Amino acid sequence: MNPKPAIIGITGGISSGKSTVARMLASLGAEIIDADEMCHRLILVNDVKNKIIERFGDVIRDIYGKIDRSRLAEIVFQDKTCLDDLCNILHPIVIEQIRSKIAEIEKRGRRRAMVIDAALLEESGLSLMCDFIIFVNTVRDQRVCRSKISRHWQDGELEKREHFQMSLEHKRKNADYVIDNNFTEENTFRQIKEFWQLYIEKI
């Protein structure tokens, strides 16, 4: 009987390269569980959409009646209570979906590992499901630059959002392995392969 696949959680600052690290792990044979993508799909589900609109009002709707994610983000990243309310609507459902996905991957039995890619891995309690936690270490200047290019964020937006997250020091301290993502992708991938050989291939 094959051993259960290891569950790897990825944590780090905003725009630190967590999804890039997840893809690198996938190239070695892991399966990605994308919690943020699950959240994006969830707000299209009528029951969930209606709960969010009931809580935050019609101001978050676009002209087609759907939730405008940028308007919603503007509200929740101004007020911790608002962010907590949104998380209380989404997280229980996402966590249940992740549990189902883990069970499905384990049942198929063809993977050495699975990766939970979630912005709020620690804050949502998803880290408790993980066998290993990788912290992606990237300096603030690089992260600010990346967030402006990939997310089109203005100055100060990254700091404003990180203010609502667990401190990077705390996340790093809780991690089993630290990846330095300040240099080339080749350098990062070399570290990922070292992690894989050290922890996953031995299972």
N, C-alpha and C. Protein backbone atom coordinates (compact mmCIF):
# COMPACT_ATOMS: atom_id res chain seq x y z
N MET A 1 0.85 -1.20 0.00
CA MET A 1 0.00 0.00 0.00
C MET A 1 0.88 1.25 0.00
N ASN A 2 0.55 2.22 -0.88
CA ASN A 2 1.33 3.45 -0.97
C ASN A 2 1.13 4.31 0.27
N PRO A 3 2.20 4.99 0.74
CA PRO A 3 2.02 5.90 1.86
C PRO A 3 1.17 7.09 1.44
N LYS A 4 0.53 7.73 2.42
CA LYS A 4 -0.28 8.91 2.11
C LYS A 4 0.62 10.02 1.58
N PRO A 5 0.15 10.78 0.58
CA PRO A 5 0.97 11.89 0.11
C PRO A 5 1.15 12.95 1.20
N ALA A 6 2.33 13.55 1.23
CA ALA A 6 2.60 14.62 2.20
C ALA A 6 1.81 15.86 1.81
N ILE A 7 1.38 16.61 2.81
CA ILE A 7 0.67 17.87 2.56
C ILE A 7 1.63 19.02 2.87
N ILE A 8 1.91 19.83 1.86
CA ILE A 8 2.84 20.95 1.99
C ILE A 8 2.06 22.25 1.94
N GLY A 9 2.25 23.10 2.93
CA GLY A 9 1.64 24.43 2.92
C GLY A 9 2.71 25.46 2.57
N ILE A 10 2.31 26.48 1.83
CA ILE A 10 3.26 27.53 1.45
C ILE A 10 2.80 28.84 2.05
N THR A 11 3.74 29.51 2.72
CA THR A 11 3.41 30.78 3.35
C THR A 11 4.50 31.80 3.03
N GLY A 12 4.24 33.05 3.36
CA GLY A 12 5.17 34.13 3.05
C GLY A 12 4.41 35.42 2.85
N GLY A 13 5.12 36.48 2.54
CA GLY A 13 4.46 37.77 2.34
C GLY A 13 3.70 37.82 1.03
N ILE A 14 2.90 38.87 0.87
CA ILE A 14 2.18 39.09 -0.39
C ILE A 14 3.19 39.30 -1.52
N SER A 15 2.94 38.67 -2.66
CA SER A 15 3.81 38.77 -3.85
C SER A 15 5.22 38.25 -3.59
N SER A 16 5.34 37.28 -2.69
CA SER A 16 6.66 36.71 -2.41
C SER A 16 7.03 35.60 -3.39
N GLY A 17 6.03 35.11 -4.16
CA GLY A 17 6.29 34.04 -5.12
C GLY A 17 5.76 32.69 -4.67
N LYS A 18 4.73 32.69 -3.81
CA LYS A 18 4.19 31.44 -3.29
C LYS A 18 3.62 30.54 -4.40
N SER A 19 2.92 31.16 -5.35
CA SER A 19 2.34 30.36 -6.45
C SER A 19 3.42 29.82 -7.37
N THR A 20 4.49 30.57 -7.54
CA THR A 20 5.63 30.09 -8.35
C THR A 20 6.25 28.86 -7.69
N VAL A 21 6.43 28.92 -6.38
CA VAL A 21 6.98 27.79 -5.63
C VAL A 21 6.03 26.59 -5.73
N ALA A 22 4.72 26.84 -5.65
CA ALA A 22 3.74 25.76 -5.79
C ALA A 22 3.88 25.08 -7.16
N ARG A 23 4.04 25.89 -8.21
CA ARG A 23 4.19 25.32 -9.57
C ARG A 23 5.48 24.51 -9.69
N MET A 24 6.54 24.98 -9.02
CA MET A 24 7.80 24.23 -9.05
C MET A 24 7.63 22.87 -8.37
N LEU A 25 6.93 22.85 -7.26
CA LEU A 25 6.65 21.59 -6.57
C LEU A 25 5.79 20.68 -7.44
N ALA A 26 4.85 21.28 -8.17
CA ALA A 26 4.00 20.49 -9.07
C ALA A 26 4.83 19.86 -10.18
N SER A 27 5.87 20.57 -10.63
CA SER A 27 6.72 20.03 -11.70
C SER A 27 7.51 18.82 -11.22
N LEU A 28 7.65 18.68 -9.89
CA LEU A 28 8.36 17.53 -9.32
C LEU A 28 7.40 16.38 -8.98
N GLY A 29 6.09 16.65 -9.11
CA GLY A 29 5.12 15.57 -8.89
C GLY A 29 4.04 15.85 -7.85
N ALA A 30 4.02 17.05 -7.28
CA ALA A 30 2.97 17.39 -6.31
C ALA A 30 1.70 17.84 -7.05
N GLU A 31 0.58 17.79 -6.36
CA GLU A 31 -0.67 18.31 -6.93
C GLU A 31 -1.05 19.57 -6.14
N ILE A 32 -1.40 20.63 -6.87
CA ILE A 32 -1.71 21.91 -6.23
C ILE A 32 -3.19 21.97 -5.86
N ILE A 33 -3.45 22.41 -4.63
CA ILE A 33 -4.81 22.76 -4.20
C ILE A 33 -4.80 24.28 -4.01
N ASP A 34 -5.48 24.98 -4.91
CA ASP A 34 -5.43 26.44 -4.93
C ASP A 34 -6.62 27.02 -4.16
N ALA A 35 -6.38 27.38 -2.90
CA ALA A 35 -7.46 27.88 -2.04
C ALA A 35 -7.98 29.23 -2.52
N ASP A 36 -7.10 30.07 -3.04
CA ASP A 36 -7.54 31.39 -3.50
C ASP A 36 -8.45 31.27 -4.71
N GLU A 37 -8.13 30.32 -5.61
CA GLU A 37 -9.00 30.08 -6.77
C GLU A 37 -10.36 29.57 -6.32
N MET A 38 -10.37 28.73 -5.28
CA MET A 38 -11.63 28.24 -4.72
C MET A 38 -12.49 29.41 -4.22
N CYS A 39 -11.84 30.37 -3.53
CA CYS A 39 -12.55 31.57 -3.03
C CYS A 39 -13.13 32.37 -4.19
N HIS A 40 -12.35 32.54 -5.25
CA HIS A 40 -12.82 33.30 -6.41
C HIS A 40 -14.05 32.64 -7.04
N ARG A 41 -14.03 31.30 -7.10
CA ARG A 41 -15.18 30.59 -7.66
C ARG A 41 -16.39 30.66 -6.73
N LEU A 42 -16.11 30.63 -5.43
CA LEU A 42 -17.20 30.62 -4.45
C LEU A 42 -18.08 31.86 -4.52
N ILE A 43 -17.44 33.03 -4.78
CA ILE A 43 -18.26 34.26 -4.77
C ILE A 43 -19.19 34.32 -5.99
N LEU A 44 -19.07 33.35 -6.90
CA LEU A 44 -20.01 33.26 -8.03
C LEU A 44 -21.20 32.37 -7.69
N VAL A 45 -21.08 31.60 -6.60
CA VAL A 45 -22.17 30.70 -6.18
C VAL A 45 -23.25 31.54 -5.51
N ASN A 46 -24.49 31.37 -5.96
CA ASN A 46 -25.57 32.27 -5.52
C ASN A 46 -25.72 32.40 -4.01
N ASP A 47 -25.73 31.25 -3.29
CA ASP A 47 -25.91 31.29 -1.83
C ASP A 47 -24.83 32.14 -1.17
N VAL A 48 -23.59 31.91 -1.60
CA VAL A 48 -22.45 32.62 -1.01
C VAL A 48 -22.48 34.08 -1.43
N LYS A 49 -22.72 34.31 -2.72
CA LYS A 49 -22.78 35.68 -3.24
C LYS A 49 -23.83 36.50 -2.49
N ASN A 50 -25.00 35.90 -2.27
CA ASN A 50 -26.08 36.62 -1.58
C ASN A 50 -25.72 36.95 -0.13
N LYS A 51 -25.02 36.02 0.54
CA LYS A 51 -24.59 36.29 1.92
C LYS A 51 -23.62 37.47 1.96
N ILE A 52 -22.69 37.50 1.00
CA ILE A 52 -21.69 38.58 0.97
C ILE A 52 -22.36 39.92 0.66
N ILE A 53 -23.31 39.92 -0.29
CA ILE A 53 -24.01 41.17 -0.65
C ILE A 53 -24.88 41.63 0.51
N GLU A 54 -25.49 40.67 1.20
CA GLU A 54 -26.32 41.01 2.37
C GLU A 54 -25.46 41.69 3.45
N ARG A 55 -24.23 41.22 3.60
CA ARG A 55 -23.34 41.79 4.63
C ARG A 55 -22.75 43.14 4.20
N PHE A 56 -22.35 43.27 2.93
CA PHE A 56 -21.60 44.47 2.52
C PHE A 56 -22.40 45.44 1.65
N GLY A 57 -23.59 45.04 1.21
CA GLY A 57 -24.44 45.96 0.46
C GLY A 57 -24.24 45.92 -1.05
N ASP A 58 -25.18 46.58 -1.76
CA ASP A 58 -25.16 46.57 -3.23
C ASP A 58 -23.97 47.34 -3.81
N VAL A 59 -23.28 48.10 -2.98
CA VAL A 59 -22.13 48.87 -3.45
C VAL A 59 -21.03 47.97 -4.03
N ILE A 60 -21.02 46.68 -3.63
CA ILE A 60 -19.98 45.77 -4.13
C ILE A 60 -20.39 45.07 -5.43
N ARG A 61 -21.60 45.35 -5.94
CA ARG A 61 -22.03 44.74 -7.20
C ARG A 61 -21.50 45.53 -8.39
N ASP A 62 -21.22 44.80 -9.49
CA ASP A 62 -20.90 45.50 -10.73
C ASP A 62 -22.19 45.70 -11.53
N ILE A 63 -22.10 46.20 -12.76
CA ILE A 63 -23.32 46.52 -13.52
C ILE A 63 -24.10 45.27 -13.92
N TYR A 64 -23.45 44.10 -13.82
CA TYR A 64 -24.13 42.84 -14.16
C TYR A 64 -24.69 42.14 -12.92
N GLY A 65 -24.53 42.76 -11.76
CA GLY A 65 -25.05 42.17 -10.53
C GLY A 65 -24.10 41.23 -9.83
N LYS A 66 -22.92 41.01 -10.46
CA LYS A 66 -21.91 40.15 -9.83
C LYS A 66 -21.10 40.96 -8.82
N ILE A 67 -20.36 40.23 -7.96
CA ILE A 67 -19.51 40.90 -6.97
C ILE A 67 -18.26 41.43 -7.66
N ASP A 68 -18.01 42.72 -7.48
CA ASP A 68 -16.78 43.35 -7.98
C ASP A 68 -15.71 43.14 -6.91
N ARG A 69 -14.74 42.26 -7.20
CA ARG A 69 -13.76 41.88 -6.18
C ARG A 69 -12.92 43.07 -5.72
N SER A 70 -12.63 44.00 -6.62
CA SER A 70 -11.80 45.14 -6.21
C SER A 70 -12.57 46.06 -5.26
N ARG A 71 -13.88 46.22 -5.47
CA ARG A 71 -14.69 47.03 -4.54
C ARG A 71 -14.80 46.35 -3.18
N LEU A 72 -14.98 45.04 -3.22
CA LEU A 72 -15.06 44.27 -1.97
C LEU A 72 -13.74 44.38 -1.20
N ALA A 73 -12.62 44.24 -1.92
CA ALA A 73 -11.30 44.35 -1.29
C ALA A 73 -11.09 45.71 -0.66
N GLU A 74 -11.58 46.76 -1.35
CA GLU A 74 -11.44 48.13 -0.84
C GLU A 74 -12.10 48.26 0.53
N ILE A 75 -13.24 47.59 0.68
CA ILE A 75 -13.97 47.66 1.96
C ILE A 75 -13.29 46.82 3.03
N VAL A 76 -12.99 45.56 2.72
CA VAL A 76 -12.51 44.66 3.77
C VAL A 76 -11.09 44.98 4.24
N PHE A 77 -10.28 45.61 3.36
CA PHE A 77 -8.92 45.95 3.79
C PHE A 77 -8.81 47.34 4.41
N GLN A 78 -9.99 47.86 4.79
CA GLN A 78 -10.02 49.10 5.58
C GLN A 78 -10.37 48.81 7.03
N ASP A 79 -10.95 47.61 7.24
CA ASP A 79 -11.56 47.34 8.55
C ASP A 79 -11.44 45.84 8.87
N LYS A 80 -10.75 45.53 9.96
CA LYS A 80 -10.52 44.13 10.36
C LYS A 80 -11.83 43.37 10.56
N THR A 81 -12.84 44.04 11.11
CA THR A 81 -14.14 43.39 11.35
C THR A 81 -14.76 42.94 10.03
N CYS A 82 -14.66 43.80 9.01
CA CYS A 82 -15.20 43.46 7.69
C CYS A 82 -14.46 42.26 7.10
N LEU A 83 -13.13 42.27 7.22
CA LEU A 83 -12.33 41.15 6.69
C LEU A 83 -12.70 39.86 7.43
N ASP A 84 -12.83 39.94 8.75
CA ASP A 84 -13.21 38.75 9.53
C ASP A 84 -14.57 38.22 9.09
N ASP A 85 -15.52 39.14 8.84
CA ASP A 85 -16.86 38.72 8.41
C ASP A 85 -16.81 38.00 7.07
N LEU A 86 -16.01 38.52 6.14
CA LEU A 86 -15.88 37.86 4.84
C LEU A 86 -15.24 36.48 4.99
N CYS A 87 -14.18 36.41 5.81
CA CYS A 87 -13.50 35.12 6.05
C CYS A 87 -14.45 34.12 6.70
N ASN A 88 -15.31 34.60 7.60
CA ASN A 88 -16.26 33.70 8.27
C ASN A 88 -17.29 33.12 7.29
N ILE A 89 -17.55 33.86 6.20
CA ILE A 89 -18.46 33.34 5.18
C ILE A 89 -17.74 32.32 4.28
N LEU A 90 -16.51 32.66 3.87
CA LEU A 90 -15.81 31.85 2.88
C LEU A 90 -15.01 30.67 3.44
N HIS A 91 -14.29 30.91 4.54
CA HIS A 91 -13.31 29.91 4.99
C HIS A 91 -13.90 28.55 5.36
N PRO A 92 -15.04 28.48 6.08
CA PRO A 92 -15.55 27.13 6.41
C PRO A 92 -15.84 26.29 5.16
N ILE A 93 -16.35 26.95 4.10
CA ILE A 93 -16.67 26.22 2.86
C ILE A 93 -15.39 25.81 2.15
N VAL A 94 -14.42 26.73 2.08
CA VAL A 94 -13.14 26.43 1.41
C VAL A 94 -12.41 25.30 2.13
N ILE A 95 -12.39 25.36 3.46
CA ILE A 95 -11.71 24.31 4.23
C ILE A 95 -12.36 22.95 3.98
N GLU A 96 -13.69 22.93 3.89
CA GLU A 96 -14.40 21.68 3.60
C GLU A 96 -14.04 21.17 2.19
N GLN A 97 -13.96 22.09 1.24
CA GLN A 97 -13.59 21.70 -0.13
C GLN A 97 -12.15 21.16 -0.18
N ILE A 98 -11.27 21.78 0.60
CA ILE A 98 -9.87 21.33 0.64
C ILE A 98 -9.79 19.93 1.26
N ARG A 99 -10.54 19.70 2.32
CA ARG A 99 -10.56 18.36 2.94
C ARG A 99 -11.02 17.31 1.92
N SER A 100 -12.05 17.65 1.14
CA SER A 100 -12.57 16.72 0.12
C SER A 100 -11.52 16.46 -0.95
N LYS A 101 -10.82 17.53 -1.35
CA LYS A 101 -9.79 17.41 -2.38
C LYS A 101 -8.63 16.54 -1.88
N ILE A 102 -8.23 16.74 -0.61
CA ILE A 102 -7.16 15.93 -0.02
C ILE A 102 -7.56 14.45 -0.03
N ALA A 103 -8.81 14.17 0.38
CA ALA A 103 -9.30 12.78 0.42
C ALA A 103 -9.30 12.17 -0.97
N GLU A 104 -9.68 12.98 -1.96
CA GLU A 104 -9.73 12.49 -3.36
C GLU A 104 -8.32 12.17 -3.88
N ILE A 105 -7.35 13.04 -3.57
CA ILE A 105 -5.96 12.81 -4.01
C ILE A 105 -5.38 11.59 -3.31
N GLU A 106 -5.67 11.45 -2.01
CA GLU A 106 -5.19 10.28 -1.26
C GLU A 106 -5.77 8.99 -1.83
N LYS A 107 -7.05 9.04 -2.21
CA LYS A 107 -7.73 7.85 -2.74
C LYS A 107 -7.12 7.42 -4.07
N ARG A 108 -6.78 8.41 -4.91
CA ARG A 108 -6.17 8.08 -6.21
C ARG A 108 -4.79 7.46 -6.00
N GLY A 109 -4.07 7.94 -4.96
CA GLY A 109 -2.81 7.32 -4.56
C GLY A 109 -1.66 7.40 -5.55
N ARG A 110 -1.66 8.41 -6.42
CA ARG A 110 -0.61 8.49 -7.43
C ARG A 110 0.35 9.66 -7.17
N ARG A 111 0.17 10.38 -6.09
CA ARG A 111 1.00 11.55 -5.82
C ARG A 111 1.86 11.36 -4.59
N ARG A 112 3.08 11.88 -4.65
CA ARG A 112 3.97 11.86 -3.47
C ARG A 112 3.54 12.96 -2.49
N ALA A 113 3.01 14.07 -3.05
CA ALA A 113 2.70 15.22 -2.19
C ALA A 113 1.60 16.06 -2.82
N MET A 114 0.99 16.88 -1.99
CA MET A 114 0.05 17.90 -2.47
C MET A 114 0.43 19.22 -1.81
N VAL A 115 0.12 20.31 -2.49
CA VAL A 115 0.50 21.64 -2.03
C VAL A 115 -0.75 22.47 -1.81
N ILE A 116 -0.90 23.04 -0.61
CA ILE A 116 -2.00 23.98 -0.37
C ILE A 116 -1.45 25.38 -0.60
N ASP A 117 -1.94 26.03 -1.66
CA ASP A 117 -1.53 27.40 -1.98
C ASP A 117 -2.66 28.32 -1.51
N ALA A 118 -2.44 28.98 -0.38
CA ALA A 118 -3.47 29.83 0.22
C ALA A 118 -2.85 31.09 0.81
N ALA A 119 -3.44 32.24 0.51
CA ALA A 119 -2.90 33.51 1.01
C ALA A 119 -2.92 33.54 2.55
N LEU A 120 -3.97 32.98 3.14
CA LEU A 120 -4.12 33.04 4.60
C LEU A 120 -3.98 31.64 5.20
N LEU A 121 -2.89 30.97 4.86
CA LEU A 121 -2.68 29.59 5.32
C LEU A 121 -2.71 29.50 6.84
N GLU A 122 -1.97 30.38 7.51
CA GLU A 122 -1.91 30.36 8.98
C GLU A 122 -3.19 30.89 9.58
N GLU A 123 -3.66 32.03 9.06
CA GLU A 123 -4.81 32.70 9.66
C GLU A 123 -6.08 31.87 9.60
N SER A 124 -6.21 31.04 8.54
CA SER A 124 -7.43 30.24 8.36
C SER A 124 -7.37 28.91 9.10
N GLY A 125 -6.18 28.57 9.64
CA GLY A 125 -6.03 27.28 10.31
C GLY A 125 -5.66 26.15 9.36
N LEU A 126 -5.50 26.46 8.05
CA LEU A 126 -5.14 25.42 7.08
C LEU A 126 -3.76 24.83 7.37
N SER A 127 -2.91 25.62 8.02
CA SER A 127 -1.56 25.13 8.34
C SER A 127 -1.60 23.90 9.23
N LEU A 128 -2.68 23.74 10.00
CA LEU A 128 -2.80 22.59 10.90
C LEU A 128 -2.96 21.28 10.14
N MET A 129 -3.37 21.38 8.86
CA MET A 129 -3.52 20.17 8.04
C MET A 129 -2.20 19.72 7.42
N CYS A 130 -1.19 20.59 7.48
CA CYS A 130 0.04 20.37 6.71
C CYS A 130 1.08 19.54 7.46
N ASP A 131 1.80 18.72 6.69
CA ASP A 131 2.93 17.97 7.24
C ASP A 131 4.19 18.83 7.24
N PHE A 132 4.30 19.71 6.24
CA PHE A 132 5.44 20.61 6.12
C PHE A 132 4.94 21.99 5.72
N ILE A 133 5.58 23.01 6.26
CA ILE A 133 5.27 24.38 5.84
C ILE A 133 6.55 25.03 5.31
N ILE A 134 6.44 25.55 4.08
CA ILE A 134 7.55 26.26 3.45
C ILE A 134 7.27 27.76 3.54
N PHE A 135 8.25 28.51 4.02
CA PHE A 135 8.15 29.97 4.03
C PHE A 135 8.97 30.51 2.86
N VAL A 136 8.33 31.32 2.02
CA VAL A 136 9.01 31.92 0.86
C VAL A 136 9.49 33.31 1.28
N ASN A 137 10.81 33.43 1.37
CA ASN A 137 11.40 34.68 1.86
C ASN A 137 11.79 35.57 0.68
N THR A 138 11.14 36.73 0.57
CA THR A 138 11.43 37.69 -0.49
C THR A 138 11.42 39.09 0.11
N VAL A 139 12.43 39.89 -0.20
CA VAL A 139 12.54 41.22 0.42
C VAL A 139 11.38 42.11 -0.01
N ARG A 140 11.04 43.06 0.85
CA ARG A 140 9.87 43.91 0.64
C ARG A 140 9.93 44.66 -0.70
N ASP A 141 11.10 45.22 -1.05
CA ASP A 141 11.18 46.01 -2.29
C ASP A 141 10.78 45.19 -3.51
N GLN A 142 11.24 43.94 -3.54
CA GLN A 142 10.88 43.06 -4.66
C GLN A 142 9.38 42.77 -4.66
N ARG A 143 8.83 42.55 -3.48
CA ARG A 143 7.40 42.23 -3.38
C ARG A 143 6.54 43.41 -3.79
N VAL A 144 6.94 44.62 -3.38
CA VAL A 144 6.20 45.84 -3.77
C VAL A 144 6.25 46.00 -5.28
N CYS A 145 7.43 45.80 -5.86
CA CYS A 145 7.61 45.92 -7.31
C CYS A 145 6.73 44.90 -8.05
N ARG A 146 6.75 43.66 -7.58
CA ARG A 146 5.94 42.60 -8.22
C ARG A 146 4.45 42.91 -8.12
N SER A 147 4.01 43.41 -6.95
CA SER A 147 2.57 43.68 -6.76
C SER A 147 2.10 44.82 -7.68
N LYS A 148 3.00 45.75 -7.97
CA LYS A 148 2.63 46.85 -8.89
C LYS A 148 2.51 46.33 -10.32
N ILE A 149 3.38 45.40 -10.69
CA ILE A 149 3.37 44.86 -12.06
C ILE A 149 2.23 43.86 -12.25
N SER A 150 2.15 42.86 -11.35
CA SER A 150 1.18 41.77 -11.56
C SER A 150 -0.23 42.11 -11.09
N ARG A 151 -0.33 42.95 -10.05
CA ARG A 151 -1.66 43.24 -9.50
C ARG A 151 -2.11 44.68 -9.76
N HIS A 152 -1.19 45.46 -10.34
CA HIS A 152 -1.48 46.88 -10.62
C HIS A 152 -1.84 47.65 -9.35
N TRP A 153 -1.18 47.31 -8.24
CA TRP A 153 -1.46 48.00 -6.98
C TRP A 153 -0.71 49.33 -6.92
N GLN A 154 -1.31 50.26 -6.20
CA GLN A 154 -0.69 51.57 -5.97
C GLN A 154 0.26 51.49 -4.78
N ASP A 155 1.05 52.55 -4.60
CA ASP A 155 1.93 52.64 -3.42
C ASP A 155 1.11 52.48 -2.15
N GLY A 156 1.63 51.69 -1.22
CA GLY A 156 0.98 51.54 0.09
C GLY A 156 -0.04 50.43 0.18
N GLU A 157 -0.47 49.88 -0.99
CA GLU A 157 -1.52 48.85 -0.97
C GLU A 157 -1.01 47.56 -0.33
N LEU A 158 0.20 47.15 -0.65
CA LEU A 158 0.75 45.91 -0.08
C LEU A 158 0.83 46.03 1.44
N GLU A 159 1.36 47.16 1.92
CA GLU A 159 1.48 47.35 3.38
C GLU A 159 0.11 47.34 4.05
N LYS A 160 -0.87 47.97 3.39
CA LYS A 160 -2.22 48.05 3.96
C LYS A 160 -2.81 46.65 4.13
N ARG A 161 -2.61 45.80 3.14
CA ARG A 161 -3.17 44.45 3.21
C ARG A 161 -2.40 43.55 4.16
N GLU A 162 -1.08 43.71 4.18
CA GLU A 162 -0.29 42.87 5.09
C GLU A 162 -0.53 43.21 6.55
N HIS A 163 -0.99 44.41 6.79
CA HIS A 163 -1.31 44.84 8.15
C HIS A 163 -2.36 43.92 8.79
N PHE A 164 -3.22 43.30 7.94
CA PHE A 164 -4.29 42.43 8.43
C PHE A 164 -3.85 40.97 8.54
N GLN A 165 -2.61 40.68 8.16
CA GLN A 165 -2.12 39.30 8.20
C GLN A 165 -1.17 39.09 9.38
N MET A 166 -0.94 37.83 9.68
CA MET A 166 0.04 37.47 10.70
C MET A 166 1.41 38.01 10.29
N SER A 167 2.23 38.39 11.24
CA SER A 167 3.53 38.98 10.92
C SER A 167 4.42 37.96 10.19
N LEU A 168 5.27 38.48 9.31
CA LEU A 168 6.18 37.61 8.56
C LEU A 168 7.14 36.87 9.49
N GLU A 169 7.54 37.53 10.57
CA GLU A 169 8.45 36.89 11.54
C GLU A 169 7.78 35.65 12.13
N HIS A 170 6.50 35.80 12.46
CA HIS A 170 5.75 34.68 13.06
C HIS A 170 5.61 33.54 12.04
N LYS A 171 5.28 33.90 10.79
CA LYS A 171 5.13 32.88 9.75
C LYS A 171 6.44 32.13 9.52
N ARG A 172 7.53 32.89 9.49
CA ARG A 172 8.83 32.27 9.25
C ARG A 172 9.19 31.32 10.41
N LYS A 173 8.90 31.76 11.61
CA LYS A 173 9.22 30.95 12.80
C LYS A 173 8.44 29.64 12.80
N ASN A 174 7.23 29.68 12.28
CA ASN A 174 6.37 28.48 12.27
C ASN A 174 6.69 27.52 11.12
N ALA A 175 7.54 27.96 10.19
CA ALA A 175 7.82 27.14 9.00
C ALA A 175 8.85 26.05 9.29
N ASP A 176 8.78 24.98 8.50
CA ASP A 176 9.75 23.89 8.60
C ASP A 176 10.94 24.12 7.68
N TYR A 177 10.73 24.94 6.65
CA TYR A 177 11.76 25.12 5.63
C TYR A 177 11.60 26.51 5.04
N VAL A 178 12.73 27.20 4.82
CA VAL A 178 12.70 28.56 4.26
C VAL A 178 13.34 28.53 2.87
N ILE A 179 12.63 29.08 1.90
CA ILE A 179 13.15 29.21 0.54
C ILE A 179 13.49 30.68 0.30
N ASP A 180 14.72 30.94 -0.14
CA ASP A 180 15.15 32.30 -0.45
C ASP A 180 14.79 32.58 -1.92
N ASN A 181 13.81 33.47 -2.12
CA ASN A 181 13.32 33.76 -3.47
C ASN A 181 13.73 35.16 -3.92
N ASN A 182 14.94 35.58 -3.54
CA ASN A 182 15.40 36.92 -3.88
C ASN A 182 16.27 36.97 -5.14
N PHE A 183 16.55 35.80 -5.70
CA PHE A 183 17.47 35.78 -6.84
C PHE A 183 16.77 35.20 -8.07
N THR A 184 17.42 34.34 -8.81
CA THR A 184 16.83 33.82 -10.05
C THR A 184 15.86 32.68 -9.77
N GLU A 185 15.01 32.39 -10.76
CA GLU A 185 14.09 31.25 -10.64
C GLU A 185 14.88 29.94 -10.55
N GLU A 186 16.01 29.89 -11.25
CA GLU A 186 16.86 28.69 -11.21
C GLU A 186 17.36 28.44 -9.79
N ASN A 187 17.74 29.53 -9.11
CA ASN A 187 18.22 29.43 -7.74
C ASN A 187 17.11 28.94 -6.81
N THR A 188 15.91 29.47 -7.02
CA THR A 188 14.75 29.05 -6.21
C THR A 188 14.43 27.57 -6.47
N PHE A 189 14.45 27.19 -7.74
CA PHE A 189 14.12 25.80 -8.09
C PHE A 189 15.13 24.82 -7.51
N ARG A 190 16.39 25.22 -7.47
CA ARG A 190 17.42 24.37 -6.87
C ARG A 190 17.08 24.09 -5.40
N GLN A 191 16.63 25.13 -4.69
CA GLN A 191 16.27 24.96 -3.28
C GLN A 191 15.03 24.07 -3.13
N ILE A 192 14.08 24.23 -4.05
CA ILE A 192 12.87 23.40 -4.02
C ILE A 192 13.23 21.92 -4.22
N LYS A 193 14.14 21.67 -5.15
CA LYS A 193 14.57 20.27 -5.39
C LYS A 193 15.27 19.70 -4.16
N GLU A 194 16.05 20.53 -3.48
CA GLU A 194 16.71 20.08 -2.25
C GLU A 194 15.67 19.71 -1.19
N PHE A 195 14.65 20.56 -1.05
CA PHE A 195 13.56 20.27 -0.10
C PHE A 195 12.90 18.94 -0.48
N TRP A 196 12.60 18.77 -1.76
CA TRP A 196 11.89 17.57 -2.25
C TRP A 196 12.69 16.30 -1.95
N GLN A 197 13.99 16.38 -2.23
CA GLN A 197 14.85 15.20 -1.99
C GLN A 197 14.97 14.90 -0.50
N LEU A 198 15.04 15.96 0.30
CA LEU A 198 15.24 15.80 1.74
C LEU A 198 14.00 15.27 2.45
N TYR A 199 12.82 15.79 2.06
CA TYR A 199 11.61 15.48 2.82
C TYR A 199 10.61 14.55 2.09
N ILE A 200 10.48 14.70 0.78
CA ILE A 200 9.41 13.99 0.09
C ILE A 200 9.85 12.66 -0.48
N GLU A 201 11.03 12.63 -1.09
CA GLU A 201 11.47 11.37 -1.71
C GLU A 201 11.74 10.27 -0.68
N LYS A 202 11.94 10.67 0.57
CA LYS A 202 12.22 9.67 1.62
C LYS A 202 10.95 9.03 2.18
N ILE A 203 9.79 9.63 1.83
CA ILE A 203 8.53 9.10 2.39
C ILE A 203 8.24 7.73 1.79
